[in-house]
Amino acid sequence: MAVCASDVPCGKYTQEVFKNAGVTVHPVSEETSVSSVVTKVTLGEADAGVVYTTDVKAAGDKAAGVVIPADQNVTADYPIVALKDAPNKDGANAFISYVLSSAGQKVLKSFGFLPAGK
């Protein structure tokens, strides 16, 4: 199994999932990024890896995901804000409005993201 190193966010989340599941895992590879974990799996250098749903989707038919039970899983949050002194405040606010709109949420969902606020 390949996982992200514990000093990067995906590694921290993975360690939480293992703790929630009550399992001890001895990975064959600890990578510095999610994309490296996906690469190890898709090249056959690891039998499995723990990555975000978005990365499984991005891998297309080269990888298949398995859902982690909700009571063991960890969800990554991605806040969105406009900078207080943004040079283009109107553009920043328009972008945020789009991301939070039904159209923006549909785009994000197509890449595997959960709806805003979930």
PDB file of N, CA and C in Angstrom:
ATOM      1  N   MET A   1       0.844  -1.177   0.000  1.00  0.00           N
ATOM      2  CA  MET A   1       0.000   0.000   0.000  1.00  0.00           C
ATOM      3  C   MET A   1       0.885   1.235   0.000  1.00  0.00           C
ATOM      4  N   ALA A   2       0.450   2.232  -0.759  1.00  0.00           N
ATOM      5  CA  ALA A   2       1.112   3.528  -0.788  1.00  0.00           C
ATOM      6  C   ALA A   2       0.202   4.541  -0.104  1.00  0.00           C
ATOM      7  N   VAL A   3       0.798   5.413   0.679  1.00  0.00           N
ATOM      8  CA  VAL A   3       0.054   6.482   1.354  1.00  0.00           C
ATOM      9  C   VAL A   3       0.872   7.762   1.266  1.00  0.00           C
ATOM     10  N   CYS A   4       0.236   8.858   1.606  1.00  0.00           N
ATOM     11  CA  CYS A   4       0.967  10.115   1.711  1.00  0.00           C
ATOM     12  C   CYS A   4       1.720  10.128   3.036  1.00  0.00           C
ATOM     13  N   ALA A   5       2.871  10.782   3.040  1.00  0.00           N
ATOM     14  CA  ALA A   5       3.655  10.936   4.267  1.00  0.00           C
ATOM     15  C   ALA A   5       2.831  11.699   5.301  1.00  0.00           C
ATOM     16  N   SER A   6       3.070  11.422   6.560  1.00  0.00           N
ATOM     17  CA  SER A   6       2.248  12.003   7.626  1.00  0.00           C
ATOM     18  C   SER A   6       2.419  13.512   7.786  1.00  0.00           C
ATOM     19  N   ASP A   7       3.417  14.109   7.151  1.00  0.00           N
ATOM     20  CA  ASP A   7       3.605  15.552   7.278  1.00  0.00           C
ATOM     21  C   ASP A   7       2.906  16.364   6.185  1.00  0.00           C
ATOM     22  N   VAL A   8       2.138  15.697   5.326  1.00  0.00           N
ATOM     23  CA  VAL A   8       1.336  16.405   4.323  1.00  0.00           C
ATOM     24  C   VAL A   8      -0.139  16.136   4.625  1.00  0.00           C
ATOM     25  N   PRO A   9      -1.045  17.026   4.206  1.00  0.00           N
ATOM     26  CA  PRO A   9      -2.459  16.868   4.582  1.00  0.00           C
ATOM     27  C   PRO A   9      -3.050  15.494   4.276  1.00  0.00           C
ATOM     28  N   CYS A  10      -2.823  14.966   3.086  1.00  0.00           N
ATOM     29  CA  CYS A  10      -3.426  13.668   2.762  1.00  0.00           C
ATOM     30  C   CYS A  10      -2.907  12.569   3.690  1.00  0.00           C
ATOM     31  N   GLY A  11      -1.676  12.693   4.147  1.00  0.00           N
ATOM     32  CA  GLY A  11      -1.116  11.721   5.088  1.00  0.00           C
ATOM     33  C   GLY A  11      -1.747  11.836   6.461  1.00  0.00           C
ATOM     34  N   LYS A  12      -1.999  13.075   6.890  1.00  0.00           N
ATOM     35  CA  LYS A  12      -2.659  13.294   8.185  1.00  0.00           C
ATOM     36  C   LYS A  12      -4.064  12.714   8.159  1.00  0.00           C
ATOM     37  N   TYR A  13      -4.788  12.954   7.054  1.00  0.00           N
ATOM     38  CA  TYR A  13      -6.132  12.407   6.934  1.00  0.00           C
ATOM     39  C   TYR A  13      -6.098  10.877   6.925  1.00  0.00           C
ATOM     40  N   THR A  14      -5.138  10.316   6.213  1.00  0.00           N
ATOM     41  CA  THR A  14      -5.011   8.858   6.133  1.00  0.00           C
ATOM     42  C   THR A  14      -4.772   8.265   7.516  1.00  0.00           C
ATOM     43  N   GLN A  15      -3.907   8.892   8.303  1.00  0.00           N
ATOM     44  CA  GLN A  15      -3.644   8.401   9.654  1.00  0.00           C
ATOM     45  C   GLN A  15      -4.905   8.464  10.512  1.00  0.00           C
ATOM     46  N   GLU A  16      -5.712   9.513  10.335  1.00  0.00           N
ATOM     47  CA  GLU A  16      -6.981   9.613  11.063  1.00  0.00           C
ATOM     48  C   GLU A  16      -7.932   8.482  10.669  1.00  0.00           C
ATOM     49  N   VAL A  17      -7.992   8.182   9.379  1.00  0.00           N
ATOM     50  CA  VAL A  17      -8.862   7.103   8.901  1.00  0.00           C
ATOM     51  C   VAL A  17      -8.426   5.774   9.510  1.00  0.00           C
ATOM     52  N   PHE A  18      -7.131   5.506   9.496  1.00  0.00           N
ATOM     53  CA  PHE A  18      -6.634   4.249  10.076  1.00  0.00           C
ATOM     54  C   PHE A  18      -6.959   4.186  11.566  1.00  0.00           C
ATOM     55  N   LYS A  19      -6.799   5.308  12.267  1.00  0.00           N
ATOM     56  CA  LYS A  19      -7.115   5.348  13.697  1.00  0.00           C
ATOM     57  C   LYS A  19      -8.607   5.098  13.917  1.00  0.00           C
ATOM     58  N   ASN A  20      -9.445   5.774  13.118  1.00  0.00           N
ATOM     59  CA  ASN A  20     -10.895   5.586  13.235  1.00  0.00           C
ATOM     60  C   ASN A  20     -11.309   4.145  12.960  1.00  0.00           C
ATOM     61  N   ALA A  21     -10.593   3.499  12.064  1.00  0.00           N
ATOM     62  CA  ALA A  21     -10.905   2.113  11.700  1.00  0.00           C
ATOM     63  C   ALA A  21     -10.281   1.114  12.676  1.00  0.00           C
ATOM     64  N   GLY A  22      -9.392   1.598  13.534  1.00  0.00           N
ATOM     65  CA  GLY A  22      -8.740   0.714  14.494  1.00  0.00           C
ATOM     66  C   GLY A  22      -7.770  -0.258  13.848  1.00  0.00           C
ATOM     67  N   VAL A  23      -7.091   0.194  12.796  1.00  0.00           N
ATOM     68  CA  VAL A  23      -6.144  -0.677  12.101  1.00  0.00           C
ATOM     69  C   VAL A  23      -4.747  -0.072  12.113  1.00  0.00           C
ATOM     70  N   THR A  24      -3.773  -0.948  12.057  1.00  0.00           N
ATOM     71  CA  THR A  24      -2.385  -0.531  11.913  1.00  0.00           C
ATOM     72  C   THR A  24      -1.933  -0.945  10.530  1.00  0.00           C
ATOM     73  N   VAL A  25      -1.393  -0.007   9.798  1.00  0.00           N
ATOM     74  CA  VAL A  25      -0.978  -0.263   8.422  1.00  0.00           C
ATOM     75  C   VAL A  25       0.509   0.030   8.300  1.00  0.00           C
ATOM     76  N   HIS A  26       1.207  -0.845   7.592  1.00  0.00           N
ATOM     77  CA  HIS A  26       2.627  -0.657   7.326  1.00  0.00           C
ATOM     78  C   HIS A  26       2.792  -0.474   5.821  1.00  0.00           C
ATOM     79  N   PRO A  27       2.710   0.779   5.351  1.00  0.00           N
ATOM     80  CA  PRO A  27       2.776   1.020   3.911  1.00  0.00           C
ATOM     81  C   PRO A  27       4.150   0.680   3.341  1.00  0.00           C
ATOM     82  N   VAL A  28       4.160   0.306   2.075  1.00  0.00           N
ATOM     83  CA  VAL A  28       5.430   0.043   1.386  1.00  0.00           C
ATOM     84  C   VAL A  28       6.030   1.333   0.863  1.00  0.00           C
ATOM     85  N   SER A  29       5.190   2.386   0.828  1.00  0.00           N
ATOM     86  CA  SER A  29       5.653   3.653   0.277  1.00  0.00           C
ATOM     87  C   SER A  29       4.915   4.800   0.934  1.00  0.00           C
ATOM     88  N   GLU A  30       5.666   5.832   1.349  1.00  0.00           N
ATOM     89  CA  GLU A  30       5.078   7.062   1.868  1.00  0.00           C
ATOM     90  C   GLU A  30       5.498   8.183   0.933  1.00  0.00           C
ATOM     91  N   GLU A  31       4.515   8.763   0.261  1.00  0.00           N
ATOM     92  CA  GLU A  31       4.775   9.749  -0.785  1.00  0.00           C
ATOM     93  C   GLU A  31       4.548  11.174  -0.288  1.00  0.00           C
ATOM     94  N   THR A  32       5.114  12.132  -0.995  1.00  0.00           N
ATOM     95  CA  THR A  32       4.979  13.538  -0.611  1.00  0.00           C
ATOM     96  C   THR A  32       3.745  14.204  -1.213  1.00  0.00           C
ATOM     97  N   SER A  33       3.025  13.480  -2.069  1.00  0.00           N
ATOM     98  CA  SER A  33       1.821  14.058  -2.672  1.00  0.00           C
ATOM     99  C   SER A  33       0.829  12.968  -3.036  1.00  0.00           C
ATOM    100  N   VAL A  34      -0.414  13.368  -3.156  1.00  0.00           N
ATOM    101  CA  VAL A  34      -1.471  12.448  -3.561  1.00  0.00           C
ATOM    102  C   VAL A  34      -1.191  11.919  -4.964  1.00  0.00           C
ATOM    103  N   SER A  35      -0.753  12.795  -5.847  1.00  0.00           N
ATOM    104  CA  SER A  35      -0.499  12.357  -7.226  1.00  0.00           C
ATOM    105  C   SER A  35       0.573  11.277  -7.275  1.00  0.00           C
ATOM    106  N   SER A  36       1.532  11.326  -6.370  1.00  0.00           N
ATOM    107  CA  SER A  36       2.552  10.282  -6.315  1.00  0.00           C
ATOM    108  C   SER A  36       1.963   8.945  -5.873  1.00  0.00           C
ATOM    109  N   VAL A  37       1.015   8.996  -4.953  1.00  0.00           N
ATOM    110  CA  VAL A  37       0.340   7.771  -4.521  1.00  0.00           C
ATOM    111  C   VAL A  37      -0.437   7.178  -5.697  1.00  0.00           C
ATOM    112  N   VAL A  38      -1.179   8.018  -6.402  1.00  0.00           N
ATOM    113  CA  VAL A  38      -1.947   7.553  -7.559  1.00  0.00           C
ATOM    114  C   VAL A  38      -1.009   6.945  -8.598  1.00  0.00           C
ATOM    115  N   THR A  39       0.112   7.593  -8.847  1.00  0.00           N
ATOM    116  CA  THR A  39       1.077   7.088  -9.824  1.00  0.00           C
ATOM    117  C   THR A  39       1.594   5.717  -9.410  1.00  0.00           C
ATOM    118  N   LYS A  40       1.946   5.545  -8.144  1.00  0.00           N
ATOM    119  CA  LYS A  40       2.427   4.236  -7.665  1.00  0.00           C
ATOM    120  C   LYS A  40       1.397   3.146  -7.940  1.00  0.00           C
ATOM    121  N   VAL A  41       0.137   3.454  -7.690  1.00  0.00           N
ATOM    122  CA  VAL A  41      -0.923   2.460  -7.888  1.00  0.00           C
ATOM    123  C   VAL A  41      -1.141   2.197  -9.373  1.00  0.00           C
ATOM    124  N   THR A  42      -1.253   3.252 -10.160  1.00  0.00           N
ATOM    125  CA  THR A  42      -1.562   3.060 -11.587  1.00  0.00           C
ATOM    126  C   THR A  42      -0.416   2.420 -12.358  1.00  0.00           C
ATOM    127  N   LEU A  43       0.816   2.554 -11.851  1.00  0.00           N
ATOM    128  CA  LEU A  43       1.955   1.890 -12.487  1.00  0.00           C
ATOM    129  C   LEU A  43       2.164   0.465 -11.971  1.00  0.00           C
ATOM    130  N   GLY A  44       1.350   0.063 -10.990  1.00  0.00           N
ATOM    131  CA  GLY A  44       1.480  -1.277 -10.438  1.00  0.00           C
ATOM    132  C   GLY A  44       2.591  -1.410  -9.414  1.00  0.00           C
ATOM    133  N   GLU A  45       3.100  -0.276  -8.929  1.00  0.00           N
ATOM    134  CA  GLU A  45       4.163  -0.300  -7.919  1.00  0.00           C
ATOM    135  C   GLU A  45       3.605  -0.458  -6.504  1.00  0.00           C
ATOM    136  N   ALA A  46       2.290  -0.338  -6.368  1.00  0.00           N
ATOM    137  CA  ALA A  46       1.594  -0.563  -5.099  1.00  0.00           C
ATOM    138  C   ALA A  46       0.242  -1.173  -5.436  1.00  0.00           C
ATOM    139  N   ASP A  47      -0.217  -2.072  -4.591  1.00  0.00           N
ATOM    140  CA  ASP A  47      -1.512  -2.719  -4.818  1.00  0.00           C
ATOM    141  C   ASP A  47      -2.685  -1.797  -4.532  1.00  0.00           C
ATOM    142  N   ALA A  48      -2.475  -0.835  -3.631  1.00  0.00           N
ATOM    143  CA  ALA A  48      -3.548   0.071  -3.235  1.00  0.00           C
ATOM    144  C   ALA A  48      -2.936   1.349  -2.684  1.00  0.00           C
ATOM    145  N   GLY A  49      -3.761   2.359  -2.558  1.00  0.00           N
ATOM    146  CA  GLY A  49      -3.328   3.622  -1.976  1.00  0.00           C
ATOM    147  C   GLY A  49      -4.528   4.351  -1.418  1.00  0.00           C
ATOM    148  N   VAL A  50      -4.272   5.266  -0.513  1.00  0.00           N
ATOM    149  CA  VAL A  50      -5.345   6.076   0.054  1.00  0.00           C
ATOM    150  C   VAL A  50      -5.190   7.480  -0.510  1.00  0.00           C
ATOM    151  N   VAL A  51      -6.218   7.914  -1.254  1.00  0.00           N
ATOM    152  CA  VAL A  51      -6.201   9.231  -1.895  1.00  0.00           C
ATOM    153  C   VAL A  51      -7.599   9.833  -1.815  1.00  0.00           C
ATOM    154  N   TYR A  52      -7.722  11.049  -2.284  1.00  0.00           N
ATOM    155  CA  TYR A  52      -9.013  11.718  -2.321  1.00  0.00           C
ATOM    156  C   TYR A  52      -9.863  11.167  -3.470  1.00  0.00           C
ATOM    157  N   THR A  53     -11.172  11.245  -3.314  1.00  0.00           N
ATOM    158  CA  THR A  53     -12.096  10.835  -4.377  1.00  0.00           C
ATOM    159  C   THR A  53     -11.779  11.558  -5.678  1.00  0.00           C
ATOM    160  N   THR A  54     -11.428  12.835  -5.571  1.00  0.00           N
ATOM    161  CA  THR A  54     -11.127  13.623  -6.769  1.00  0.00           C
ATOM    162  C   THR A  54      -9.963  13.031  -7.554  1.00  0.00           C
ATOM    163  N   ASP A  55      -8.994  12.454  -6.861  1.00  0.00           N
ATOM    164  CA  ASP A  55      -7.836  11.863  -7.538  1.00  0.00           C
ATOM    165  C   ASP A  55      -8.183  10.532  -8.186  1.00  0.00           C
ATOM    166  N   VAL A  56      -9.094   9.776  -7.581  1.00  0.00           N
ATOM    167  CA  VAL A  56      -9.557   8.531  -8.199  1.00  0.00           C
ATOM    168  C   VAL A  56     -10.274   8.878  -9.499  1.00  0.00           C
ATOM    169  N   LYS A  57     -11.146   9.889  -9.447  1.00  0.00           N
ATOM    170  CA  LYS A  57     -11.875  10.305 -10.657  1.00  0.00           C
ATOM    171  C   LYS A  57     -10.897  10.769 -11.734  1.00  0.00           C
ATOM    172  N   ALA A  58      -9.889  11.531 -11.338  1.00  0.00           N
ATOM    173  CA  ALA A  58      -8.918  12.057 -12.301  1.00  0.00           C
ATOM    174  C   ALA A  58      -8.102  10.944 -12.953  1.00  0.00           C
ATOM    175  N   ALA A  59      -7.939   9.825 -12.266  1.00  0.00           N
ATOM    176  CA  ALA A  59      -7.178   8.702 -12.814  1.00  0.00           C
ATOM    177  C   ALA A  59      -7.958   7.947 -13.887  1.00  0.00           C
ATOM    178  N   GLY A  60      -9.243   8.241 -14.003  1.00  0.00           N
ATOM    179  CA  GLY A  60     -10.066   7.602 -15.032  1.00  0.00           C
ATOM    180  C   GLY A  60     -10.136   6.100 -14.854  1.00  0.00           C
ATOM    181  N   ASP A  61      -9.966   5.376 -15.951  1.00  0.00           N
ATOM    182  CA  ASP A  61     -10.082   3.916 -15.884  1.00  0.00           C
ATOM    183  C   ASP A  61      -8.807   3.232 -15.398  1.00  0.00           C
ATOM    184  N   LYS A  62      -7.814   4.010 -14.997  1.00  0.00           N
ATOM    185  CA  LYS A  62      -6.561   3.439 -14.482  1.00  0.00           C
ATOM    186  C   LYS A  62      -6.659   3.064 -13.002  1.00  0.00           C
ATOM    187  N   ALA A  63      -7.709   3.553 -12.324  1.00  0.00           N
ATOM    188  CA  ALA A  63      -7.864   3.272 -10.897  1.00  0.00           C
ATOM    189  C   ALA A  63      -9.348   3.155 -10.554  1.00  0.00           C
ATOM    190  N   ALA A  64      -9.638   2.371  -9.544  1.00  0.00           N
ATOM    191  CA  ALA A  64     -11.006   2.220  -9.050  1.00  0.00           C
ATOM    192  C   ALA A  64     -11.003   2.536  -7.562  1.00  0.00           C
ATOM    193  N   GLY A  65     -12.005   3.260  -7.117  1.00  0.00           N
ATOM    194  CA  GLY A  65     -12.074   3.634  -5.717  1.00  0.00           C
ATOM    195  C   GLY A  65     -12.953   2.708  -4.903  1.00  0.00           C
ATOM    196  N   VAL A  66     -12.701   2.700  -3.628  1.00  0.00           N
ATOM    197  CA  VAL A  66     -13.511   1.969  -2.661  1.00  0.00           C
ATOM    198  C   VAL A  66     -13.930   2.998  -1.616  1.00  0.00           C
ATOM    199  N   VAL A  67     -15.206   3.058  -1.322  1.00  0.00           N
ATOM    200  CA  VAL A  67     -15.707   4.043  -0.367  1.00  0.00           C
ATOM    201  C   VAL A  67     -15.321   3.636   1.050  1.00  0.00           C
ATOM    202  N   ILE A  68     -14.791   4.585   1.793  1.00  0.00           N
ATOM    203  CA  ILE A  68     -14.474   4.366   3.205  1.00  0.00           C
ATOM    204  C   ILE A  68     -15.756   4.636   3.987  1.00  0.00           C
ATOM    205  N   PRO A  69     -16.151   3.745   4.897  1.00  0.00           N
ATOM    206  CA  PRO A  69     -17.379   3.964   5.676  1.00  0.00           C
ATOM    207  C   PRO A  69     -17.364   5.335   6.373  1.00  0.00           C
ATOM    208  N   ALA A  70     -18.501   5.987   6.389  1.00  0.00           N
ATOM    209  CA  ALA A  70     -18.618   7.351   6.920  1.00  0.00           C
ATOM    210  C   ALA A  70     -18.108   7.477   8.354  1.00  0.00           C
ATOM    211  N   ASP A  71     -18.328   6.456   9.181  1.00  0.00           N
ATOM    212  CA  ASP A  71     -17.904   6.551  10.576  1.00  0.00           C
ATOM    213  C   ASP A  71     -16.389   6.410  10.748  1.00  0.00           C
ATOM    214  N   GLN A  72     -15.687   6.056   9.675  1.00  0.00           N
ATOM    215  CA  GLN A  72     -14.238   5.934   9.719  1.00  0.00           C
ATOM    216  C   GLN A  72     -13.543   6.993   8.862  1.00  0.00           C
ATOM    217  N   ASN A  73     -14.295   7.587   7.962  1.00  0.00           N
ATOM    218  CA  ASN A  73     -13.720   8.498   6.989  1.00  0.00           C
ATOM    219  C   ASN A  73     -13.444   9.884   7.569  1.00  0.00           C
ATOM    220  N   VAL A  74     -12.645  10.639   6.862  1.00  0.00           N
ATOM    221  CA  VAL A  74     -12.320  12.017   7.199  1.00  0.00           C
ATOM    222  C   VAL A  74     -12.587  12.846   5.948  1.00  0.00           C
ATOM    223  N   THR A  75     -13.207  13.995   6.130  1.00  0.00           N
ATOM    224  CA  THR A  75     -13.508  14.870   5.000  1.00  0.00           C
ATOM    225  C   THR A  75     -12.593  16.078   5.027  1.00  0.00           C
ATOM    226  N   ALA A  76     -11.985  16.370   3.896  1.00  0.00           N
ATOM    227  CA  ALA A  76     -11.144  17.558   3.771  1.00  0.00           C
ATOM    228  C   ALA A  76     -12.029  18.756   3.454  1.00  0.00           C
ATOM    229  N   ASP A  77     -11.819  19.844   4.158  1.00  0.00           N
ATOM    230  CA  ASP A  77     -12.564  21.067   3.905  1.00  0.00           C
ATOM    231  C   ASP A  77     -11.692  22.033   3.110  1.00  0.00           C
ATOM    232  N   TYR A  78     -12.316  22.712   2.166  1.00  0.00           N
ATOM    233  CA  TYR A  78     -11.628  23.695   1.345  1.00  0.00           C
ATOM    234  C   TYR A  78     -12.359  25.027   1.467  1.00  0.00           C
ATOM    235  N   PRO A  79     -11.930  25.883   2.393  1.00  0.00           N
ATOM    236  CA  PRO A  79     -12.597  27.174   2.558  1.00  0.00           C
ATOM    237  C   PRO A  79     -12.367  28.068   1.331  1.00  0.00           C
ATOM    238  N   ILE A  80     -13.275  29.003   1.120  1.00  0.00           N
ATOM    239  CA  ILE A  80     -13.127  29.970   0.035  1.00  0.00           C
ATOM    240  C   ILE A  80     -13.455  31.341   0.595  1.00  0.00           C
ATOM    241  N   VAL A  81     -12.554  32.281   0.394  1.00  0.00           N
ATOM    242  CA  VAL A  81     -12.742  33.652   0.873  1.00  0.00           C
ATOM    243  C   VAL A  81     -12.099  34.623  -0.110  1.00  0.00           C
ATOM    244  N   ALA A  82     -12.563  35.846  -0.068  1.00  0.00           N
ATOM    245  CA  ALA A  82     -11.908  36.922  -0.812  1.00  0.00           C
ATOM    246  C   ALA A  82     -10.928  37.607   0.136  1.00  0.00           C
ATOM    247  N   LEU A  83      -9.784  37.968  -0.384  1.00  0.00           N
ATOM    248  CA  LEU A  83      -8.822  38.701   0.434  1.00  0.00           C
ATOM    249  C   LEU A  83      -9.391  40.059   0.822  1.00  0.00           C
ATOM    250  N   LYS A  84      -9.118  40.476   2.034  1.00  0.00           N
ATOM    251  CA  LYS A  84      -9.609  41.756   2.531  1.00  0.00           C
ATOM    252  C   LYS A  84      -9.191  42.901   1.605  1.00  0.00           C
ATOM    253  N   ASP A  85      -7.963  42.855   1.137  1.00  0.00           N
ATOM    254  CA  ASP A  85      -7.450  43.904   0.249  1.00  0.00           C
ATOM    255  C   ASP A  85      -7.261  43.386  -1.170  1.00  0.00           C
ATOM    256  N   ALA A  86      -8.160  42.538  -1.609  1.00  0.00           N
ATOM    257  CA  ALA A  86      -8.049  41.972  -2.961  1.00  0.00           C
ATOM    258  C   ALA A  86      -8.010  43.098  -3.999  1.00  0.00           C
ATOM    259  N   PRO A  87      -7.067  43.028  -4.932  1.00  0.00           N
ATOM    260  CA  PRO A  87      -6.990  44.076  -5.956  1.00  0.00           C
ATOM    261  C   PRO A  87      -8.203  44.087  -6.895  1.00  0.00           C
ATOM    262  N   ASN A  88      -8.893  42.943  -6.991  1.00  0.00           N
ATOM    263  CA  ASN A  88     -10.088  42.861  -7.829  1.00  0.00           C
ATOM    264  C   ASN A  88     -11.203  42.234  -6.992  1.00  0.00           C
ATOM    265  N   LYS A  89     -11.686  43.001  -6.026  1.00  0.00           N
ATOM    266  CA  LYS A  89     -12.700  42.507  -5.090  1.00  0.00           C
ATOM    267  C   LYS A  89     -13.957  42.016  -5.807  1.00  0.00           C
ATOM    268  N   ASP A  90     -14.375  42.755  -6.838  1.00  0.00           N
ATOM    269  CA  ASP A  90     -15.581  42.357  -7.574  1.00  0.00           C
ATOM    270  C   ASP A  90     -15.366  41.010  -8.258  1.00  0.00           C
ATOM    271  N   GLY A  91     -14.191  40.812  -8.837  1.00  0.00           N
ATOM    272  CA  GLY A  91     -13.877  39.532  -9.488  1.00  0.00           C
ATOM    273  C   GLY A  91     -13.822  38.395  -8.480  1.00  0.00           C
ATOM    274  N   ALA A  92     -13.213  38.675  -7.338  1.00  0.00           N
ATOM    275  CA  ALA A  92     -13.119  37.656  -6.287  1.00  0.00           C
ATOM    276  C   ALA A  92     -14.518  37.257  -5.806  1.00  0.00           C
ATOM    277  N   ASN A  93     -15.358  38.242  -5.569  1.00  0.00           N
ATOM    278  CA  ASN A  93     -16.714  37.952  -5.103  1.00  0.00           C
ATOM    279  C   ASN A  93     -17.541  37.241  -6.169  1.00  0.00           C
ATOM    280  N   ALA A  94     -17.338  37.599  -7.423  1.00  0.00           N
ATOM    281  CA  ALA A  94     -18.046  36.916  -8.518  1.00  0.00           C
ATOM    282  C   ALA A  94     -17.607  35.456  -8.594  1.00  0.00           C
ATOM    283  N   PHE A  95     -16.314  35.210  -8.432  1.00  0.00           N
ATOM    284  CA  PHE A  95     -15.815  33.839  -8.462  1.00  0.00           C
ATOM    285  C   PHE A  95     -16.413  33.035  -7.311  1.00  0.00           C
ATOM    286  N   ILE A  96     -16.416  33.595  -6.115  1.00  0.00           N
ATOM    287  CA  ILE A  96     -16.986  32.904  -4.956  1.00  0.00           C
ATOM    288  C   ILE A  96     -18.468  32.620  -5.191  1.00  0.00           C
ATOM    289  N   SER A  97     -19.178  33.595  -5.715  1.00  0.00           N
ATOM    290  CA  SER A  97     -20.599  33.394  -6.003  1.00  0.00           C
ATOM    291  C   SER A  97     -20.808  32.259  -6.991  1.00  0.00           C
ATOM    292  N   TYR A  98     -19.959  32.199  -8.005  1.00  0.00           N
ATOM    293  CA  TYR A  98     -20.082  31.111  -8.986  1.00  0.00           C
ATOM    294  C   TYR A  98     -19.794  29.757  -8.336  1.00  0.00           C
ATOM    295  N   VAL A  99     -18.715  29.670  -7.585  1.00  0.00           N
ATOM    296  CA  VAL A  99     -18.356  28.394  -6.943  1.00  0.00           C
ATOM    297  C   VAL A  99     -19.489  27.896  -6.058  1.00  0.00           C
ATOM    298  N   LEU A 100     -20.147  28.800  -5.355  1.00  0.00           N
ATOM    299  CA  LEU A 100     -21.219  28.411  -4.439  1.00  0.00           C
ATOM    300  C   LEU A 100     -22.573  28.253  -5.125  1.00  0.00           C
ATOM    301  N   SER A 101     -22.675  28.668  -6.389  1.00  0.00           N
ATOM    302  CA  SER A 101     -23.936  28.539  -7.124  1.00  0.00           C
ATOM    303  C   SER A 101     -24.193  27.088  -7.512  1.00  0.00           C
ATOM    304  N   SER A 102     -25.410  26.800  -7.940  1.00  0.00           N
ATOM    305  CA  SER A 102     -25.720  25.427  -8.361  1.00  0.00           C
ATOM    306  C   SER A 102     -24.861  25.016  -9.559  1.00  0.00           C
ATOM    307  N   ALA A 103     -24.573  25.939 -10.468  1.00  0.00           N
ATOM    308  CA  ALA A 103     -23.715  25.614 -11.620  1.00  0.00           C
ATOM    309  C   ALA A 103     -22.299  25.288 -11.170  1.00  0.00           C
ATOM    310  N   GLY A 104     -21.759  26.109 -10.262  1.00  0.00           N
ATOM    311  CA  GLY A 104     -20.409  25.864  -9.746  1.00  0.00           C
ATOM    312  C   GLY A 104     -20.325  24.567  -8.960  1.00  0.00           C
ATOM    313  N   GLN A 105     -21.346  24.301  -8.152  1.00  0.00           N
ATOM    314  CA  GLN A 105     -21.372  23.068  -7.372  1.00  0.00           C
ATOM    315  C   GLN A 105     -21.469  21.843  -8.281  1.00  0.00           C
ATOM    316  N   LYS A 106     -22.174  21.989  -9.386  1.00  0.00           N
ATOM    317  CA  LYS A 106     -22.284  20.886 -10.353  1.00  0.00           C
ATOM    318  C   LYS A 106     -20.912  20.565 -10.954  1.00  0.00           C
ATOM    319  N   VAL A 107     -20.149  21.605 -11.287  1.00  0.00           N
ATOM    320  CA  VAL A 107     -18.795  21.404 -11.821  1.00  0.00           C
ATOM    321  C   VAL A 107     -17.930  20.705 -10.782  1.00  0.00           C
ATOM    322  N   LEU A 108     -17.955  21.198  -9.557  1.00  0.00           N
ATOM    323  CA  LEU A 108     -17.147  20.584  -8.500  1.00  0.00           C
ATOM    324  C   LEU A 108     -17.553  19.131  -8.259  1.00  0.00           C
ATOM    325  N   LYS A 109     -18.860  18.872  -8.267  1.00  0.00           N
ATOM    326  CA  LYS A 109     -19.335  17.499  -8.074  1.00  0.00           C
ATOM    327  C   LYS A 109     -18.815  16.577  -9.173  1.00  0.00           C
ATOM    328  N   SER A 110     -18.713  17.080 -10.395  1.00  0.00           N
ATOM    329  CA  SER A 110     -18.231  16.245 -11.499  1.00  0.00           C
ATOM    330  C   SER A 110     -16.789  15.796 -11.286  1.00  0.00           C
ATOM    331  N   PHE A 111     -16.065  16.522 -10.441  1.00  0.00           N
ATOM    332  CA  PHE A 111     -14.682  16.160 -10.133  1.00  0.00           C
ATOM    333  C   PHE A 111     -14.567  15.385  -8.814  1.00  0.00           C
ATOM    334  N   GLY A 112     -15.705  15.129  -8.158  1.00  0.00           N
ATOM    335  CA  GLY A 112     -15.711  14.323  -6.949  1.00  0.00           C
ATOM    336  C   GLY A 112     -15.799  15.084  -5.650  1.00  0.00           C
ATOM    337  N   PHE A 113     -15.974  16.406  -5.716  1.00  0.00           N
ATOM    338  CA  PHE A 113     -16.095  17.185  -4.491  1.00  0.00           C
ATOM    339  C   PHE A 113     -17.505  17.077  -3.932  1.00  0.00           C
ATOM    340  N   LEU A 114     -17.630  17.144  -2.610  1.00  0.00           N
ATOM    341  CA  LEU A 114     -18.924  17.162  -1.955  1.00  0.00           C
ATOM    342  C   LEU A 114     -19.524  18.560  -2.064  1.00  0.00           C
ATOM    343  N   PRO A 115     -20.831  18.686  -1.897  1.00  0.00           N
ATOM    344  CA  PRO A 115     -21.458  20.011  -1.943  1.00  0.00           C
ATOM    345  C   PRO A 115     -20.929  20.923  -0.839  1.00  0.00           C
ATOM    346  N   ALA A 116     -20.969  22.217  -1.084  1.00  0.00           N
ATOM    347  CA  ALA A 116     -20.535  23.189  -0.087  1.00  0.00           C
ATOM    348  C   ALA A 116     -21.312  22.983   1.207  1.00  0.00           C
ATOM    349  N   GLY A 117     -20.611  23.049   2.319  1.00  0.00           N
ATOM    350  CA  GLY A 117     -21.262  22.919   3.608  1.00  0.00           C
ATOM    351  C   GLY A 117     -21.520  21.501   4.066  1.00  0.00           C
ATOM    352  N   LYS A 118     -21.094  20.505   3.302  1.00  0.00           N
ATOM    353  CA  LYS A 118     -21.347  19.099   3.684  1.00  0.00           C
ATOM    354  C   LYS A 118     -20.136  18.503   4.349  1.00  0.00           C
TER     355      LYS A 118
END
